[in-house]
């Protein structure tokens, strides 16, 4: 910020403008702002929304991971057990592997 001015006066004899002086006024300063929320409800709401978005992103990741692993298995492929990525699909199993087999009645059938 600053101001440079050249005050002039009119010479009565010639009618010209004569420079009387030259003034320099420079001002230096700084500004610091602090914002303090008066309503903490908006902060709580923002954190709640962020948590839900994070949970949704995690769910999306897990569903896509399971779908891609199942797609690999249907195609007859799997990730090699010695690979560091094997753990990505080790917990994806078909329902038939978990579903209990029906018990035979009377041991005949």
N, C-alpha and C. Protein backbone atom coordinates (compact mmCIF):
# COMPACT_ATOMS: atom_id res chain seq x y z
N UNK A 1 0.84 -1.16 0.00
CA UNK A 1 0.00 0.00 0.00
C UNK A 1 0.89 1.23 0.00
N UNK A 2 0.46 2.22 -0.66
CA UNK A 2 1.26 3.43 -0.66
C UNK A 2 0.57 4.54 -1.43
N UNK A 3 1.13 5.71 -1.33
CA UNK A 3 0.56 6.86 -2.00
C UNK A 3 1.70 7.77 -2.41
N UNK A 4 1.78 8.10 -3.65
CA UNK A 4 2.76 9.04 -4.16
C UNK A 4 1.96 10.21 -4.75
N UNK A 5 2.20 11.41 -4.28
CA UNK A 5 1.46 12.56 -4.80
C UNK A 5 2.39 13.72 -5.07
N UNK A 6 2.02 14.48 -6.04
CA UNK A 6 2.78 15.66 -6.42
C UNK A 6 1.85 16.88 -6.33
N UNK A 7 1.76 17.52 -5.18
CA UNK A 7 0.91 18.71 -5.06
C UNK A 7 1.42 19.83 -5.98
N UNK A 8 0.50 20.47 -6.63
CA UNK A 8 0.86 21.54 -7.57
C UNK A 8 0.03 22.78 -7.27
N UNK A 9 0.58 23.87 -7.61
CA UNK A 9 -0.15 25.15 -7.49
C UNK A 9 -0.14 25.85 -8.85
N UNK A 10 -1.10 26.70 -9.03
CA UNK A 10 -1.20 27.44 -10.29
C UNK A 10 -0.39 28.74 -10.16
N UNK A 11 0.53 28.95 -11.11
CA UNK A 11 1.30 30.19 -11.15
C UNK A 11 0.38 31.28 -11.70
N UNK A 12 0.16 32.35 -10.94
CA UNK A 12 -0.79 33.38 -11.33
C UNK A 12 -0.31 34.17 -12.55
N UNK A 13 0.98 34.31 -12.73
CA UNK A 13 1.50 35.10 -13.85
C UNK A 13 1.39 34.35 -15.17
N UNK A 14 1.80 33.08 -15.16
CA UNK A 14 1.84 32.31 -16.41
C UNK A 14 0.63 31.39 -16.57
N UNK A 15 -0.06 31.09 -15.47
CA UNK A 15 -1.20 30.17 -15.52
C UNK A 15 -0.78 28.71 -15.60
N UNK A 16 0.50 28.44 -15.42
CA UNK A 16 0.97 27.06 -15.48
C UNK A 16 0.94 26.44 -14.08
N UNK A 17 0.98 25.12 -14.09
CA UNK A 17 1.03 24.38 -12.83
C UNK A 17 2.47 24.18 -12.41
N UNK A 18 2.79 24.57 -11.21
CA UNK A 18 4.15 24.38 -10.68
C UNK A 18 4.10 23.34 -9.56
N UNK A 19 5.10 22.46 -9.60
CA UNK A 19 5.18 21.43 -8.55
C UNK A 19 5.76 22.04 -7.29
N UNK A 20 5.00 21.94 -6.19
CA UNK A 20 5.47 22.48 -4.92
C UNK A 20 6.30 21.46 -4.15
N UNK A 21 5.84 20.23 -4.13
CA UNK A 21 6.53 19.21 -3.35
C UNK A 21 6.18 17.83 -3.90
N UNK A 22 6.85 16.88 -3.35
CA UNK A 22 6.58 15.48 -3.72
C UNK A 22 6.41 14.71 -2.42
N UNK A 23 5.28 14.06 -2.25
CA UNK A 23 4.98 13.37 -0.99
C UNK A 23 4.91 11.87 -1.25
N UNK A 24 5.61 11.15 -0.44
CA UNK A 24 5.56 9.68 -0.49
C UNK A 24 5.01 9.20 0.85
N UNK A 25 3.94 8.48 0.82
CA UNK A 25 3.38 7.91 2.04
C UNK A 25 3.21 6.41 1.80
N UNK A 26 4.05 5.63 2.43
CA UNK A 26 3.96 4.18 2.25
C UNK A 26 3.58 3.56 3.58
N UNK A 27 2.63 2.70 3.51
CA UNK A 27 2.15 2.01 4.71
C UNK A 27 2.37 0.51 4.54
N UNK A 28 2.92 -0.11 5.54
CA UNK A 28 3.16 -1.55 5.50
C UNK A 28 2.36 -2.19 6.62
N UNK A 29 1.88 -3.37 6.37
CA UNK A 29 1.10 -4.04 7.40
C UNK A 29 0.89 -5.50 7.08
N UNK A 30 0.25 -6.20 7.97
CA UNK A 30 -0.06 -7.62 7.79
C UNK A 30 -1.44 -7.86 8.38
N UNK A 31 -2.01 -8.97 7.97
CA UNK A 31 -3.34 -9.30 8.47
C UNK A 31 -3.38 -10.79 8.79
N UNK A 32 -3.91 -11.13 9.93
CA UNK A 32 -4.06 -12.52 10.35
C UNK A 32 -5.53 -12.72 10.72
N UNK A 33 -6.10 -13.80 10.21
CA UNK A 33 -7.50 -14.11 10.52
C UNK A 33 -7.58 -15.43 11.27
N UNK A 34 -8.45 -15.49 12.22
CA UNK A 34 -8.76 -16.71 12.94
C UNK A 34 -10.25 -16.94 12.81
N UNK A 35 -10.61 -18.17 12.47
CA UNK A 35 -12.04 -18.51 12.37
C UNK A 35 -12.35 -19.53 13.46
N UNK A 36 -13.31 -19.22 14.26
CA UNK A 36 -13.74 -20.11 15.32
C UNK A 36 -15.22 -20.41 15.09
N UNK A 37 -15.54 -21.67 14.77
CA UNK A 37 -16.95 -21.97 14.55
C UNK A 37 -17.73 -21.86 15.86
N UNK A 38 -18.82 -21.15 15.80
CA UNK A 38 -19.65 -20.99 16.99
C UNK A 38 -20.65 -22.14 17.11
N UNK A 39 -20.90 -22.81 16.00
CA UNK A 39 -21.83 -23.93 15.99
C UNK A 39 -21.06 -25.21 15.70
N UNK A 40 -20.92 -26.07 16.68
CA UNK A 40 -20.16 -27.31 16.50
C UNK A 40 -20.97 -28.39 15.78
N UNK A 41 -22.25 -28.16 15.58
CA UNK A 41 -23.09 -29.14 14.89
C UNK A 41 -22.60 -29.36 13.45
N UNK A 42 -22.17 -28.29 12.79
CA UNK A 42 -21.69 -28.44 11.41
C UNK A 42 -20.43 -29.31 11.37
N UNK A 43 -19.56 -29.18 12.35
CA UNK A 43 -18.36 -30.01 12.41
C UNK A 43 -18.73 -31.47 12.65
N UNK A 44 -19.67 -31.71 13.55
CA UNK A 44 -20.13 -33.09 13.80
C UNK A 44 -20.75 -33.69 12.54
N UNK A 45 -21.57 -32.89 11.86
CA UNK A 45 -22.22 -33.37 10.65
C UNK A 45 -21.19 -33.69 9.57
N UNK A 46 -20.20 -32.84 9.43
CA UNK A 46 -19.14 -33.07 8.43
C UNK A 46 -18.39 -34.36 8.74
N UNK A 47 -18.06 -34.60 9.99
CA UNK A 47 -17.36 -35.83 10.38
C UNK A 47 -18.24 -37.05 10.14
N UNK A 48 -19.54 -36.92 10.41
CA UNK A 48 -20.47 -38.03 10.19
C UNK A 48 -20.57 -38.38 8.70
N UNK A 49 -20.65 -37.35 7.87
CA UNK A 49 -20.72 -37.58 6.42
C UNK A 49 -19.43 -38.22 5.94
N UNK A 50 -18.29 -37.73 6.41
CA UNK A 50 -17.00 -38.29 6.01
C UNK A 50 -16.90 -39.76 6.41
N UNK A 51 -17.40 -40.10 7.58
CA UNK A 51 -17.36 -41.50 8.04
C UNK A 51 -18.22 -42.39 7.15
N UNK A 52 -19.42 -41.90 6.79
CA UNK A 52 -20.29 -42.69 5.91
C UNK A 52 -19.68 -42.86 4.52
N UNK A 53 -19.05 -41.81 4.00
CA UNK A 53 -18.40 -41.90 2.69
C UNK A 53 -17.26 -42.91 2.75
N UNK A 54 -16.49 -42.89 3.83
CA UNK A 54 -15.39 -43.84 3.99
C UNK A 54 -15.92 -45.27 4.07
N UNK A 55 -17.01 -45.49 4.82
CA UNK A 55 -17.60 -46.82 4.92
C UNK A 55 -18.12 -47.29 3.56
N UNK A 56 -18.73 -46.39 2.79
CA UNK A 56 -19.23 -46.75 1.46
C UNK A 56 -18.07 -47.11 0.53
N UNK A 57 -16.99 -46.35 0.60
CA UNK A 57 -15.83 -46.65 -0.24
C UNK A 57 -15.24 -48.01 0.12
N UNK A 58 -15.20 -48.32 1.42
CA UNK A 58 -14.68 -49.62 1.86
C UNK A 58 -15.58 -50.76 1.37
N UNK A 59 -16.90 -50.57 1.48
CA UNK A 59 -17.85 -51.58 1.01
C UNK A 59 -17.71 -51.78 -0.50
N UNK A 60 -17.61 -50.69 -1.25
CA UNK A 60 -17.42 -50.79 -2.70
C UNK A 60 -16.16 -51.57 -3.05
N UNK A 61 -15.09 -51.29 -2.32
CA UNK A 61 -13.82 -52.00 -2.55
C UNK A 61 -14.00 -53.50 -2.31
N UNK A 62 -14.62 -53.86 -1.19
CA UNK A 62 -14.78 -55.27 -0.84
C UNK A 62 -15.67 -55.99 -1.85
N UNK A 63 -16.75 -55.34 -2.30
CA UNK A 63 -17.64 -55.97 -3.28
C UNK A 63 -16.92 -56.18 -4.61
N UNK A 64 -16.21 -55.18 -5.08
CA UNK A 64 -15.48 -55.32 -6.35
C UNK A 64 -14.41 -56.40 -6.21
N UNK A 65 -13.74 -56.44 -5.07
CA UNK A 65 -12.71 -57.47 -4.85
C UNK A 65 -13.32 -58.86 -4.92
N UNK A 66 -14.47 -59.07 -4.24
CA UNK A 66 -15.12 -60.38 -4.25
C UNK A 66 -15.61 -60.74 -5.65
N UNK A 67 -16.17 -59.76 -6.36
CA UNK A 67 -16.66 -60.03 -7.73
C UNK A 67 -15.51 -60.42 -8.65
N UNK A 68 -14.40 -59.73 -8.58
CA UNK A 68 -13.27 -60.05 -9.46
C UNK A 68 -12.64 -61.39 -9.10
N UNK A 69 -12.59 -61.71 -7.81
CA UNK A 69 -12.05 -63.02 -7.40
C UNK A 69 -12.96 -64.14 -7.89
N UNK A 70 -14.28 -63.95 -7.75
CA UNK A 70 -15.23 -64.95 -8.22
C UNK A 70 -15.13 -65.11 -9.74
N UNK A 71 -14.93 -64.01 -10.42
CA UNK A 71 -14.78 -64.05 -11.88
C UNK A 71 -13.54 -64.87 -12.26
N UNK A 72 -12.45 -64.68 -11.52
CA UNK A 72 -11.24 -65.48 -11.76
C UNK A 72 -11.52 -66.96 -11.54
N UNK A 73 -12.22 -67.28 -10.44
CA UNK A 73 -12.50 -68.68 -10.10
C UNK A 73 -13.41 -69.32 -11.14
N UNK A 74 -14.43 -68.58 -11.59
CA UNK A 74 -15.33 -69.12 -12.63
C UNK A 74 -14.57 -69.41 -13.91
N UNK A 75 -13.56 -68.58 -14.19
CA UNK A 75 -12.76 -68.80 -15.39
C UNK A 75 -11.73 -69.90 -15.23
N UNK A 76 -11.66 -70.49 -14.04
CA UNK A 76 -10.73 -71.59 -13.81
C UNK A 76 -9.35 -71.12 -13.38
N UNK A 77 -9.26 -69.89 -12.91
CA UNK A 77 -7.97 -69.35 -12.49
C UNK A 77 -7.99 -69.03 -10.99
N UNK A 78 -6.79 -68.87 -10.46
CA UNK A 78 -6.63 -68.43 -9.08
C UNK A 78 -5.29 -67.74 -8.95
N UNK A 79 -5.13 -67.00 -7.88
CA UNK A 79 -3.85 -66.35 -7.62
C UNK A 79 -2.95 -67.38 -6.94
N UNK A 80 -1.73 -67.48 -7.38
CA UNK A 80 -0.80 -68.48 -6.85
C UNK A 80 -0.63 -68.30 -5.34
N UNK A 81 -0.68 -69.41 -4.59
CA UNK A 81 -0.58 -69.33 -3.13
C UNK A 81 0.71 -68.69 -2.61
N UNK A 82 1.79 -68.73 -3.37
CA UNK A 82 3.05 -68.13 -2.92
C UNK A 82 3.17 -66.65 -3.30
N UNK A 83 2.17 -66.14 -4.02
CA UNK A 83 2.18 -64.73 -4.40
C UNK A 83 1.78 -63.87 -3.21
N UNK A 84 2.33 -62.66 -3.15
CA UNK A 84 1.96 -61.76 -2.07
C UNK A 84 0.52 -61.26 -2.21
N UNK A 85 -0.08 -61.46 -3.38
CA UNK A 85 -1.46 -61.03 -3.62
C UNK A 85 -2.47 -62.16 -3.38
N UNK A 86 -2.00 -63.31 -2.97
CA UNK A 86 -2.90 -64.45 -2.74
C UNK A 86 -3.95 -64.13 -1.68
N UNK A 87 -3.58 -63.34 -0.70
CA UNK A 87 -4.51 -63.01 0.39
C UNK A 87 -5.70 -62.21 -0.10
N UNK A 88 -5.61 -61.62 -1.29
CA UNK A 88 -6.72 -60.82 -1.82
C UNK A 88 -7.96 -61.68 -2.05
N UNK A 89 -7.77 -62.94 -2.42
CA UNK A 89 -8.92 -63.79 -2.76
C UNK A 89 -9.06 -65.00 -1.83
N UNK A 90 -8.26 -65.11 -0.80
CA UNK A 90 -8.30 -66.32 0.02
C UNK A 90 -9.60 -66.46 0.82
N UNK A 91 -10.31 -65.37 1.05
CA UNK A 91 -11.55 -65.46 1.82
C UNK A 91 -12.80 -65.46 0.95
N UNK A 92 -12.65 -65.51 -0.37
CA UNK A 92 -13.80 -65.57 -1.28
C UNK A 92 -14.00 -67.04 -1.65
N UNK A 93 -15.10 -67.60 -1.17
CA UNK A 93 -15.40 -69.01 -1.42
C UNK A 93 -16.84 -69.14 -1.90
N UNK A 94 -17.15 -70.18 -2.67
CA UNK A 94 -18.53 -70.36 -3.12
C UNK A 94 -19.45 -70.74 -1.94
N UNK A 95 -20.71 -70.41 -2.06
CA UNK A 95 -21.68 -70.71 -1.00
C UNK A 95 -21.76 -72.21 -0.75
N UNK A 96 -21.63 -72.99 -1.81
CA UNK A 96 -21.73 -74.44 -1.66
C UNK A 96 -20.63 -74.99 -0.75
N UNK A 97 -19.52 -74.31 -0.63
CA UNK A 97 -18.44 -74.78 0.25
C UNK A 97 -18.78 -74.54 1.71
N UNK A 98 -19.66 -73.61 2.01
CA UNK A 98 -20.01 -73.28 3.39
C UNK A 98 -21.35 -73.88 3.79
N UNK A 99 -22.27 -73.97 2.85
CA UNK A 99 -23.61 -74.45 3.11
C UNK A 99 -23.56 -75.90 3.60
N UNK A 100 -24.18 -76.20 4.75
CA UNK A 100 -24.14 -77.58 5.26
C UNK A 100 -24.91 -78.52 4.33
N UNK A 101 -24.37 -79.72 4.18
CA UNK A 101 -25.04 -80.71 3.34
C UNK A 101 -26.20 -81.31 4.10
N UNK A 102 -27.32 -81.57 3.40
CA UNK A 102 -28.49 -82.14 4.10
C UNK A 102 -28.16 -83.53 4.64
N UNK A 103 -28.68 -83.81 5.82
CA UNK A 103 -28.45 -85.11 6.45
C UNK A 103 -29.40 -86.13 5.85
N UNK A 104 -28.92 -87.35 5.73
CA UNK A 104 -29.74 -88.44 5.20
C UNK A 104 -30.61 -88.98 6.30
N UNK A 105 -31.87 -89.20 5.98
CA UNK A 105 -32.79 -89.76 6.96
C UNK A 105 -32.64 -91.28 6.97
N UNK A 106 -32.59 -91.80 8.11
CA UNK A 106 -32.55 -93.25 8.35
C UNK A 106 -31.34 -93.91 7.69
N UNK A 107 -30.39 -93.14 7.20
CA UNK A 107 -29.18 -93.71 6.63
C UNK A 107 -29.41 -94.47 5.34
N UNK A 108 -30.58 -94.36 4.72
CA UNK A 108 -30.86 -95.10 3.49
C UNK A 108 -30.52 -94.29 2.25
N UNK A 109 -30.73 -93.05 2.31
CA UNK A 109 -30.55 -92.26 1.09
C UNK A 109 -29.50 -91.23 1.28
